[in-house]
Amino acid sequence: MLAESSYEEIRERLYGPLRSVFTWDRLDGMEYGLATIHYITEEFRKEIAFATEALGKIFARTVYAVQNADDELLLTLGIPKEALSMAHVLIRPEMVTVIGRFDFVNTVEGLKLLEFNSDTPTSVVEAFFVNARACSFFGSESPNKGMEVHIGEAFKTILETYKELGYATDSIVFSALGWHDEDRDTVNYLLKQSGLAAKFAALEDLRISQDRLCALINDQLLPIDVWYRLHALEKLAAESDEQDQYPTGAHVLDLVARGKLAIINPPSAFVAQSKALLSLIWNLHEAGEFYTSSEHLLIEKYMLPTYMENQFLDKSPYVTKPIFGREGGAVCLFEANGVMVERDKDDSYWDQPMIYQKRVEMEKIECNTENGLYIGRLLWGSFLVGGKASAISARVGERITSNLACYIPVGIKVE
């Protein structure tokens, strides 16, 4: 019986059998996966799905307009100059990303979007694989039941789209850093769920050869037609060969721009990844432009005021975030008078342009951990897969959700 077991025993019984897929229930020796479950109502589950799909359509339409605009707008959104031509490449405009994740908080004013991890989302295995098994373990209904099939459907759709557009699609490679357990095993999970006849190649085993991106597999260079990468394109844009400083990253982006390489997620997902797009959407909304009346209502309901310049001073508390930051990197919290109350302690992303976003209080929850009772803040991840609302995940951390925030399984409360 679970009630008679220690937390450590319950944790091992839960995560031990899952480690062949979910290898990072501990990160750097610290607990990441919690051996408990957080319950939500069916009503909340339906609303987060509704908000996800509705916002997905708004982002897709906005990104399509941006991709058809001139370079000046893309530069304003922070797209590197090396990626400008690639950013204009249109693949499937109504499907802004194959697999992306909206991050929401549940506030006193209702559900609010913080950001859209549209290009290189993680927490995939937690949402699509671990959560259902944790719910079974705790005897709960899973909010993500049967949703693994969404992944294969979305990958099939994007591959068919590339074929219809005349791309070569015979050689498919999935990539992540080979030494990074979470990234590597997330990508291998996606490869399996995609249903595609693909191979895995570590990022460090990729090469440019004869104007092709190639993977070094079994001492042979395999030209790549379709490339799924858990690797941020803004980082790729700045990468060069260590030996001769050749701009390999820019060359890869140029291959995409010339139609010689199909990428997943597609270029539209990279445009959507910029948090400056949140500012563009909000500014168009405030001006009463571009969107339909129903879209304006959705933006008002689910999005937060966001700007490229500080509009909050002496008006309301706010947050600053780098436009391509991740895992809470370089995020700062401010009071309305401009006094900083909290800042991220890592060194990454501080050199990027910042957005200013209205600060909202994240909901607090109490949960058991191996260090005892913890009172943390809850962040909701809701996946948009092939344009459809899909699995959700939850993390518990501090007011700035960093890479130390823990994963907590989520179940449906039966009334």
Protein backbone atom coordinates (compact mmCIF):
# COMPACT_ATOMS: atom_id res chain seq x y z
CA MET A 1 0.00 0.00 0.00
CA LEU A 2 1.28 3.48 -0.88
CA ALA A 3 0.10 4.89 2.45
CA GLU A 4 2.43 2.53 4.31
CA SER A 5 5.48 3.29 2.15
CA SER A 6 8.07 6.02 2.60
CA TYR A 7 8.32 8.81 0.04
CA GLU A 8 11.61 7.36 -1.20
CA GLU A 9 10.04 3.92 -1.68
CA ILE A 10 7.08 5.37 -3.57
CA ARG A 11 9.41 7.42 -5.75
CA GLU A 12 11.52 4.41 -6.71
CA ARG A 13 8.44 2.29 -7.45
CA LEU A 14 7.10 5.05 -9.71
CA TYR A 15 10.20 6.12 -11.64
CA GLY A 16 12.33 2.96 -11.55
CA PRO A 17 10.34 1.16 -14.29
CA LEU A 18 10.27 4.32 -16.46
CA ARG A 19 14.01 4.99 -16.63
CA SER A 20 14.55 3.18 -19.91
CA VAL A 21 12.74 6.18 -21.47
CA PHE A 22 12.67 8.87 -18.78
CA THR A 23 16.31 8.92 -17.69
CA TRP A 24 16.29 12.30 -15.92
CA ASP A 25 13.96 11.87 -12.95
CA ARG A 26 17.04 13.20 -11.15
CA LEU A 27 19.06 16.09 -12.59
CA ASP A 28 22.61 16.70 -11.38
CA GLY A 29 21.87 14.54 -8.37
CA MET A 30 18.76 16.54 -7.42
CA GLU A 31 15.15 15.39 -7.47
CA TYR A 32 13.34 16.46 -10.63
CA GLY A 33 10.40 14.07 -10.90
CA LEU A 34 8.17 14.27 -7.84
CA ALA A 35 6.49 11.17 -6.42
CA THR A 36 3.10 12.76 -5.96
CA ILE A 37 0.20 13.88 -8.11
CA HIS A 38 -1.60 17.21 -8.54
CA TYR A 39 -5.29 17.03 -9.36
CA ILE A 40 -7.19 19.30 -11.74
CA THR A 41 -10.83 19.50 -12.72
CA GLU A 42 -12.20 18.43 -16.07
CA GLU A 43 -13.30 22.04 -16.54
CA PHE A 44 -9.72 23.34 -16.19
CA ARG A 45 -8.49 20.65 -18.58
CA LYS A 46 -11.00 21.74 -21.20
CA GLU A 47 -10.15 25.42 -20.81
CA ILE A 48 -6.39 24.97 -21.20
CA ALA A 49 -7.03 22.90 -24.33
CA PHE A 50 -9.36 25.58 -25.70
CA ALA A 51 -6.86 28.37 -24.98
CA THR A 52 -4.03 26.36 -26.55
CA GLU A 53 -5.82 25.68 -29.81
CA ALA A 54 -7.27 29.20 -30.07
CA LEU A 55 -3.93 30.88 -29.42
CA GLY A 56 -2.26 28.46 -31.81
CA LYS A 57 -4.44 29.82 -34.62
CA ILE A 58 -3.69 33.43 -33.62
CA PHE A 59 0.07 32.77 -33.58
CA ALA A 60 -0.10 30.94 -36.92
CA ARG A 61 -1.88 33.84 -38.62
CA THR A 62 0.46 36.41 -37.09
CA VAL A 63 3.59 34.48 -38.03
CA TYR A 64 2.34 34.03 -41.60
CA ALA A 65 1.99 37.81 -41.90
CA VAL A 66 5.46 38.34 -40.41
CA GLN A 67 7.04 35.81 -42.78
CA ASN A 68 5.53 37.73 -45.70
CA ALA A 69 6.75 41.10 -44.39
CA ASP A 70 10.13 42.64 -45.10
CA ASP A 71 13.36 41.91 -43.24
CA GLU A 72 13.02 44.97 -41.05
CA LEU A 73 10.16 43.43 -39.10
CA LEU A 74 12.03 40.15 -38.67
CA LEU A 75 15.08 42.03 -37.38
CA THR A 76 12.83 43.90 -34.94
CA LEU A 77 11.68 40.52 -33.64
CA GLY A 78 15.30 39.56 -33.04
CA ILE A 79 15.75 37.16 -35.95
CA PRO A 80 19.53 37.00 -36.65
CA LYS A 81 20.63 38.34 -40.03
CA GLU A 82 22.01 34.87 -40.88
CA ALA A 83 18.47 33.48 -40.54
CA LEU A 84 16.52 36.15 -42.44
CA SER A 85 16.17 34.31 -45.75
CA MET A 86 15.27 31.08 -43.95
CA ALA A 87 12.66 32.88 -41.83
CA HIS A 88 10.70 33.78 -44.98
CA VAL A 89 10.36 30.13 -46.05
CA LEU A 90 6.70 29.08 -45.89
CA ILE A 91 5.88 25.43 -45.37
CA ARG A 92 2.41 24.96 -43.85
CA PRO A 93 1.14 28.36 -42.66
CA GLU A 94 -1.83 27.04 -40.68
CA MET A 95 0.51 24.77 -38.67
CA VAL A 96 2.95 27.18 -37.06
CA THR A 97 4.82 24.33 -35.38
CA VAL A 98 4.81 20.54 -35.50
CA ILE A 99 5.24 20.27 -31.75
CA GLY A 100 5.36 23.33 -29.49
CA ARG A 101 4.46 24.18 -25.90
CA PHE A 102 2.52 27.11 -24.49
CA ASP A 103 3.42 28.05 -20.92
CA PHE A 104 0.46 29.21 -18.86
CA VAL A 105 -0.14 30.32 -15.29
CA ASN A 106 -3.49 30.06 -13.52
CA THR A 107 -4.03 33.45 -11.88
CA VAL A 108 -6.82 35.18 -9.97
CA GLU A 109 -7.75 36.69 -13.35
CA GLY A 110 -7.82 33.28 -14.99
CA LEU A 111 -5.48 31.43 -17.32
CA LYS A 112 -2.68 33.62 -18.75
CA LEU A 113 -0.02 32.86 -21.35
CA LEU A 114 3.58 33.62 -20.39
CA GLU A 115 5.36 32.45 -23.54
CA PHE A 116 5.34 30.04 -26.46
CA ASN A 117 8.14 27.47 -26.74
CA SER A 118 7.36 26.77 -30.36
CA ASP A 119 10.72 25.71 -31.77
CA THR A 120 12.58 23.43 -29.34
CA PRO A 121 10.20 22.43 -26.52
CA THR A 122 11.14 19.97 -23.82
CA SER A 123 8.92 18.31 -21.15
CA VAL A 124 7.68 16.14 -24.03
CA VAL A 125 8.44 12.80 -22.39
CA GLU A 126 6.99 14.00 -19.10
CA ALA A 127 3.70 15.01 -20.73
CA PHE A 128 3.18 12.24 -23.27
CA PHE A 129 4.86 9.26 -21.59
CA VAL A 130 5.41 9.69 -17.86
CA ASN A 131 2.16 11.37 -16.88
CA ALA A 132 -0.14 8.56 -18.00
CA ARG A 133 1.96 6.01 -16.16
CA ALA A 134 2.07 8.15 -13.02
CA CYS A 135 -1.71 8.49 -13.14
CA SER A 136 -2.05 4.72 -13.43
CA PHE A 137 0.35 4.33 -10.50
CA PHE A 138 -1.70 6.67 -8.31
CA GLY A 139 -5.07 5.37 -9.54
CA SER A 140 -6.09 8.55 -11.33
CA GLU A 141 -7.45 9.40 -14.77
CA SER A 142 -4.80 10.97 -17.00
CA PRO A 143 -5.54 14.31 -18.72
CA ASN A 144 -3.30 13.14 -21.58
CA LYS A 145 -4.85 9.77 -22.30
CA GLY A 146 -4.26 8.57 -25.86
CA MET A 147 -2.41 11.69 -26.94
CA GLU A 148 0.87 10.06 -27.97
CA VAL A 149 -0.72 9.39 -31.36
CA HIS A 150 -0.85 13.16 -31.99
CA ILE A 151 2.94 13.18 -32.40
CA GLY A 152 2.99 10.62 -35.21
CA GLU A 153 0.08 12.31 -36.97
CA ALA A 154 1.81 15.70 -36.90
CA PHE A 155 5.14 14.36 -38.16
CA LYS A 156 3.36 12.50 -40.97
CA THR A 157 1.54 15.70 -41.96
CA ILE A 158 4.68 17.85 -42.10
CA LEU A 159 6.59 15.18 -44.05
CA GLU A 160 3.76 14.93 -46.61
CA THR A 161 3.75 18.72 -46.87
CA TYR A 162 7.47 18.83 -47.60
CA LYS A 163 6.99 16.12 -50.27
CA GLU A 164 4.16 18.12 -51.88
CA LEU A 165 6.43 21.15 -51.98
CA GLY A 166 9.07 19.17 -53.89
CA TYR A 167 11.56 18.54 -51.10
CA ALA A 168 13.63 15.37 -50.96
CA THR A 169 12.51 13.36 -47.91
CA ASP A 170 14.32 10.02 -48.16
CA SER A 171 17.00 10.60 -45.53
CA ILE A 172 15.61 11.68 -42.14
CA VAL A 173 17.80 12.43 -39.14
CA PHE A 174 16.86 13.44 -35.59
CA SER A 175 19.53 15.30 -33.59
CA ALA A 176 20.36 16.57 -30.12
CA LEU A 177 23.51 16.88 -28.06
CA GLY A 178 24.75 13.33 -27.61
CA TRP A 179 26.05 13.92 -24.09
CA HIS A 180 22.90 15.64 -22.81
CA ASP A 181 20.69 12.87 -21.40
CA GLU A 182 17.43 14.83 -21.37
CA ASP A 183 17.78 16.29 -24.87
CA ARG A 184 19.11 13.07 -26.44
CA ASP A 185 16.44 10.84 -24.92
CA THR A 186 13.66 13.35 -25.63
CA VAL A 187 14.66 13.28 -29.30
CA ASN A 188 14.89 9.49 -29.37
CA TYR A 189 11.39 9.34 -27.86
CA LEU A 190 10.09 11.70 -30.55
CA LEU A 191 11.85 9.67 -33.25
CA LYS A 192 10.05 6.53 -32.06
CA GLN A 193 6.67 8.28 -31.78
CA SER A 194 7.06 9.98 -35.17
CA GLY A 195 6.72 6.67 -37.00
CA LEU A 196 9.28 7.89 -39.53
CA ALA A 197 12.09 5.78 -40.93
CA ALA A 198 14.72 8.00 -39.32
CA LYS A 199 18.11 7.76 -37.66
CA PHE A 200 19.52 9.56 -34.62
CA ALA A 201 22.77 11.50 -34.98
CA ALA A 202 24.30 13.64 -32.25
CA LEU A 203 24.72 17.31 -33.10
CA GLU A 204 28.46 16.92 -32.66
CA ASP A 205 28.44 14.30 -35.46
CA LEU A 206 26.95 16.60 -38.11
CA ARG A 207 29.05 18.02 -40.93
CA ILE A 208 28.74 20.23 -43.99
CA SER A 209 29.92 18.37 -47.08
CA GLN A 210 29.39 19.23 -50.76
CA ASP A 211 26.75 21.81 -49.90
CA ARG A 212 24.73 19.35 -47.84
CA LEU A 213 24.16 18.82 -44.15
CA CYS A 214 25.42 15.34 -43.38
CA ALA A 215 25.48 13.01 -40.39
CA LEU A 216 28.55 10.96 -39.53
CA ILE A 217 27.12 7.49 -38.90
CA ASN A 218 29.32 4.38 -38.73
CA ASP A 219 32.24 6.40 -40.15
CA GLN A 220 30.22 7.35 -43.23
CA LEU A 221 28.67 10.71 -44.12
CA LEU A 222 24.95 10.42 -44.70
CA PRO A 223 23.38 13.44 -46.50
CA ILE A 224 20.30 14.67 -44.65
CA ASP A 225 17.05 15.55 -46.43
CA VAL A 226 14.86 16.13 -43.35
CA TRP A 227 16.32 17.24 -40.05
CA TYR A 228 14.53 17.27 -36.69
CA ARG A 229 16.69 19.16 -34.23
CA LEU A 230 16.41 19.93 -30.55
CA HIS A 231 18.78 22.82 -31.11
CA ALA A 232 17.88 26.49 -31.07
CA LEU A 233 18.26 28.19 -34.46
CA GLU A 234 19.45 31.47 -32.92
CA LYS A 235 22.37 29.47 -31.47
CA LEU A 236 22.95 27.69 -34.76
CA ALA A 237 23.13 31.05 -36.56
CA ALA A 238 26.21 32.00 -34.54
CA GLU A 239 28.04 28.66 -34.73
CA SER A 240 31.25 28.17 -36.67
CA ASP A 241 33.80 25.42 -37.15
CA GLU A 242 36.25 25.24 -34.26
CA GLN A 243 39.25 24.63 -36.51
CA ASP A 244 38.89 27.09 -39.38
CA GLN A 245 36.01 29.28 -38.07
CA TYR A 246 33.89 28.48 -41.14
CA PRO A 247 30.30 29.68 -40.45
CA THR A 248 28.70 26.24 -40.51
CA GLY A 249 25.51 27.40 -38.79
CA ALA A 250 24.87 30.14 -41.34
CA HIS A 251 25.50 27.60 -44.12
CA VAL A 252 22.87 25.24 -42.66
CA LEU A 253 20.34 28.08 -42.49
CA ASP A 254 21.17 28.95 -46.10
CA LEU A 255 20.45 25.32 -47.11
CA VAL A 256 17.01 25.71 -45.54
CA ALA A 257 16.49 29.02 -47.34
CA ARG A 258 17.38 27.40 -50.68
CA GLY A 259 15.08 24.41 -50.15
CA LYS A 260 17.95 21.92 -49.87
CA LEU A 261 17.12 20.95 -46.29
CA ALA A 262 13.72 20.40 -44.67
CA ILE A 263 13.67 21.20 -40.97
CA ILE A 264 11.36 20.21 -38.15
CA ASN A 265 10.16 22.30 -36.49
CA PRO A 266 9.73 24.45 -39.64
CA PRO A 267 10.96 28.07 -40.01
CA SER A 268 7.62 29.46 -38.82
CA ALA A 269 8.23 27.89 -35.41
CA PHE A 270 11.47 29.84 -35.07
CA VAL A 271 9.68 33.11 -35.82
CA ALA A 272 7.02 32.24 -33.24
CA GLN A 273 9.73 31.44 -30.66
CA SER A 274 10.73 35.10 -30.37
CA LYS A 275 9.06 36.61 -27.30
CA ALA A 276 9.02 39.89 -29.22
CA LEU A 277 6.11 38.34 -31.13
CA LEU A 278 4.11 38.54 -27.89
CA SER A 279 4.69 42.28 -27.99
CA LEU A 280 3.66 42.51 -31.64
CA ILE A 281 0.43 40.62 -30.96
CA TRP A 282 -0.41 42.77 -27.94
CA ASN A 283 0.36 46.03 -29.76
CA LEU A 284 -1.87 45.05 -32.69
CA HIS A 285 -4.56 44.08 -30.20
CA GLU A 286 -4.33 47.40 -28.35
CA ALA A 287 -4.55 49.26 -31.65
CA GLY A 288 -7.64 47.25 -32.61
CA GLU A 289 -5.90 46.08 -35.79
CA PHE A 290 -5.38 42.88 -37.80
CA TYR A 291 -7.37 40.45 -35.65
CA THR A 292 -11.06 39.59 -35.79
CA SER A 293 -13.34 40.67 -32.94
CA SER A 294 -13.32 37.14 -31.51
CA GLU A 295 -9.51 37.00 -31.72
CA HIS A 296 -9.26 40.32 -29.87
CA LEU A 297 -11.41 38.84 -27.10
CA LEU A 298 -9.16 35.77 -26.89
CA ILE A 299 -6.00 37.89 -26.75
CA GLU A 300 -7.50 40.05 -24.00
CA LYS A 301 -8.59 36.98 -22.03
CA TYR A 302 -5.51 34.77 -22.29
CA MET A 303 -2.51 37.00 -23.04
CA LEU A 304 -0.65 39.54 -20.94
CA PRO A 305 0.28 43.13 -21.86
CA THR A 306 3.77 42.83 -23.37
CA TYR A 307 6.00 45.53 -24.88
CA MET A 308 9.50 46.10 -26.22
CA GLU A 309 9.76 49.25 -24.07
CA ASN A 310 8.81 49.66 -20.42
CA GLN A 311 5.18 50.77 -20.25
CA PHE A 312 4.67 49.62 -16.65
CA LEU A 313 6.84 51.99 -14.59
CA ASP A 314 4.78 53.55 -11.80
CA LYS A 315 1.71 51.67 -13.08
CA SER A 316 2.01 47.96 -12.30
CA PRO A 317 4.58 45.25 -11.43
CA TYR A 318 6.34 43.77 -14.44
CA VAL A 319 8.81 41.17 -15.68
CA THR A 320 11.72 41.48 -18.10
CA LYS A 321 12.66 38.51 -20.28
CA PRO A 322 15.21 37.98 -23.08
CA ILE A 323 13.52 37.39 -26.42
CA PHE A 324 15.18 34.00 -26.96
CA GLY A 325 15.74 33.03 -23.32
CA ARG A 326 14.90 29.63 -21.89
CA GLU A 327 14.42 28.02 -18.46
CA GLY A 328 13.99 31.37 -16.73
CA GLY A 329 17.37 32.61 -17.98
CA ALA A 330 17.96 36.37 -17.41
CA VAL A 331 14.39 36.89 -16.17
CA CYS A 332 13.90 39.70 -13.62
CA LEU A 333 10.86 40.61 -11.52
CA PHE A 334 10.13 44.26 -10.71
CA GLU A 335 7.72 46.21 -8.58
CA ALA A 336 5.77 49.03 -10.22
CA ASN A 337 8.29 51.59 -8.92
CA GLY A 338 11.11 49.85 -10.82
CA VAL A 339 12.68 48.13 -7.82
CA MET A 340 13.95 44.66 -8.73
CA VAL A 341 12.65 42.00 -6.35
CA GLU A 342 14.13 38.91 -7.95
CA ARG A 343 16.55 38.03 -10.75
CA ASP A 344 17.78 34.89 -12.41
CA LYS A 345 21.18 33.84 -11.12
CA ASP A 346 22.56 32.17 -14.26
CA ASP A 347 24.87 33.89 -16.75
CA SER A 348 23.05 33.11 -20.01
CA TYR A 349 20.89 35.38 -22.22
CA TRP A 350 21.71 38.71 -20.54
CA ASP A 351 23.05 40.12 -23.82
CA GLN A 352 19.71 39.77 -25.62
CA PRO A 353 17.00 42.41 -26.18
CA MET A 354 14.32 42.21 -23.50
CA ILE A 355 10.55 42.28 -23.47
CA TYR A 356 8.53 43.88 -20.69
CA GLN A 357 5.52 41.85 -19.58
CA LYS A 358 2.87 42.47 -16.94
CA ARG A 359 3.72 40.51 -13.80
CA VAL A 360 1.12 38.12 -12.44
CA GLU A 361 1.19 35.93 -9.36
CA MET A 362 1.56 32.22 -10.05
CA GLU A 363 -0.63 29.87 -8.07
CA LYS A 364 0.96 28.27 -5.01
CA ILE A 365 0.78 24.57 -4.23
CA GLU A 366 2.13 22.36 -1.46
CA CYS A 367 3.73 19.07 -2.43
CA ASN A 368 5.87 16.37 -0.89
CA THR A 369 9.51 16.04 -1.93
CA GLU A 370 12.39 13.96 -0.67
CA ASN A 371 13.42 17.03 1.34
CA GLY A 372 10.00 17.38 2.93
CA LEU A 373 7.00 19.60 2.26
CA TYR A 374 7.60 22.25 -0.40
CA ILE A 375 5.48 25.28 -1.20
CA GLY A 376 6.11 26.24 -4.80
CA ARG A 377 4.66 28.04 -7.81
CA LEU A 378 2.94 26.10 -10.56
CA LEU A 379 3.66 26.52 -14.28
CA TRP A 380 1.49 24.78 -16.86
CA GLY A 381 2.86 23.51 -20.16
CA SER A 382 0.27 22.80 -22.84
CA PHE A 383 1.40 21.23 -26.09
CA LEU A 384 0.25 22.36 -29.52
CA VAL A 385 0.85 19.43 -31.87
CA GLY A 386 0.04 19.77 -35.54
CA GLY A 387 -2.22 22.72 -34.77
CA LYS A 388 -4.23 20.79 -32.16
CA ALA A 389 -4.26 21.07 -28.37
CA SER A 390 -2.53 18.03 -26.93
CA ALA A 391 -0.86 16.84 -23.71
CA ILE A 392 -0.19 19.02 -20.68
CA SER A 393 2.56 18.99 -18.06
CA ALA A 394 3.21 20.87 -14.84
CA ARG A 395 6.31 22.09 -13.03
CA VAL A 396 6.72 23.41 -9.53
CA GLY A 397 9.41 25.95 -8.68
CA GLU A 398 10.04 29.47 -7.52
CA ARG A 399 8.56 32.68 -8.92
CA ILE A 400 11.10 32.42 -11.75
CA THR A 401 10.69 28.92 -13.20
CA SER A 402 14.30 27.76 -13.68
CA ASN A 403 15.79 24.46 -14.77
CA LEU A 404 15.65 23.43 -11.09
CA ALA A 405 11.84 23.46 -11.09
CA CYS A 406 10.42 19.98 -10.52
CA TYR A 407 8.08 17.95 -12.69
CA ILE A 408 4.82 16.99 -10.98
CA PRO A 409 2.38 14.48 -12.49
CA VAL A 410 -1.17 15.71 -13.09
CA GLY A 411 -4.42 13.79 -12.73
CA ILE A 412 -8.11 14.50 -13.32
CA LYS A 413 -10.14 14.97 -10.16
CA VAL A 414 -13.21 12.76 -10.26
CA GLU A 415 -16.15 14.70 -8.81
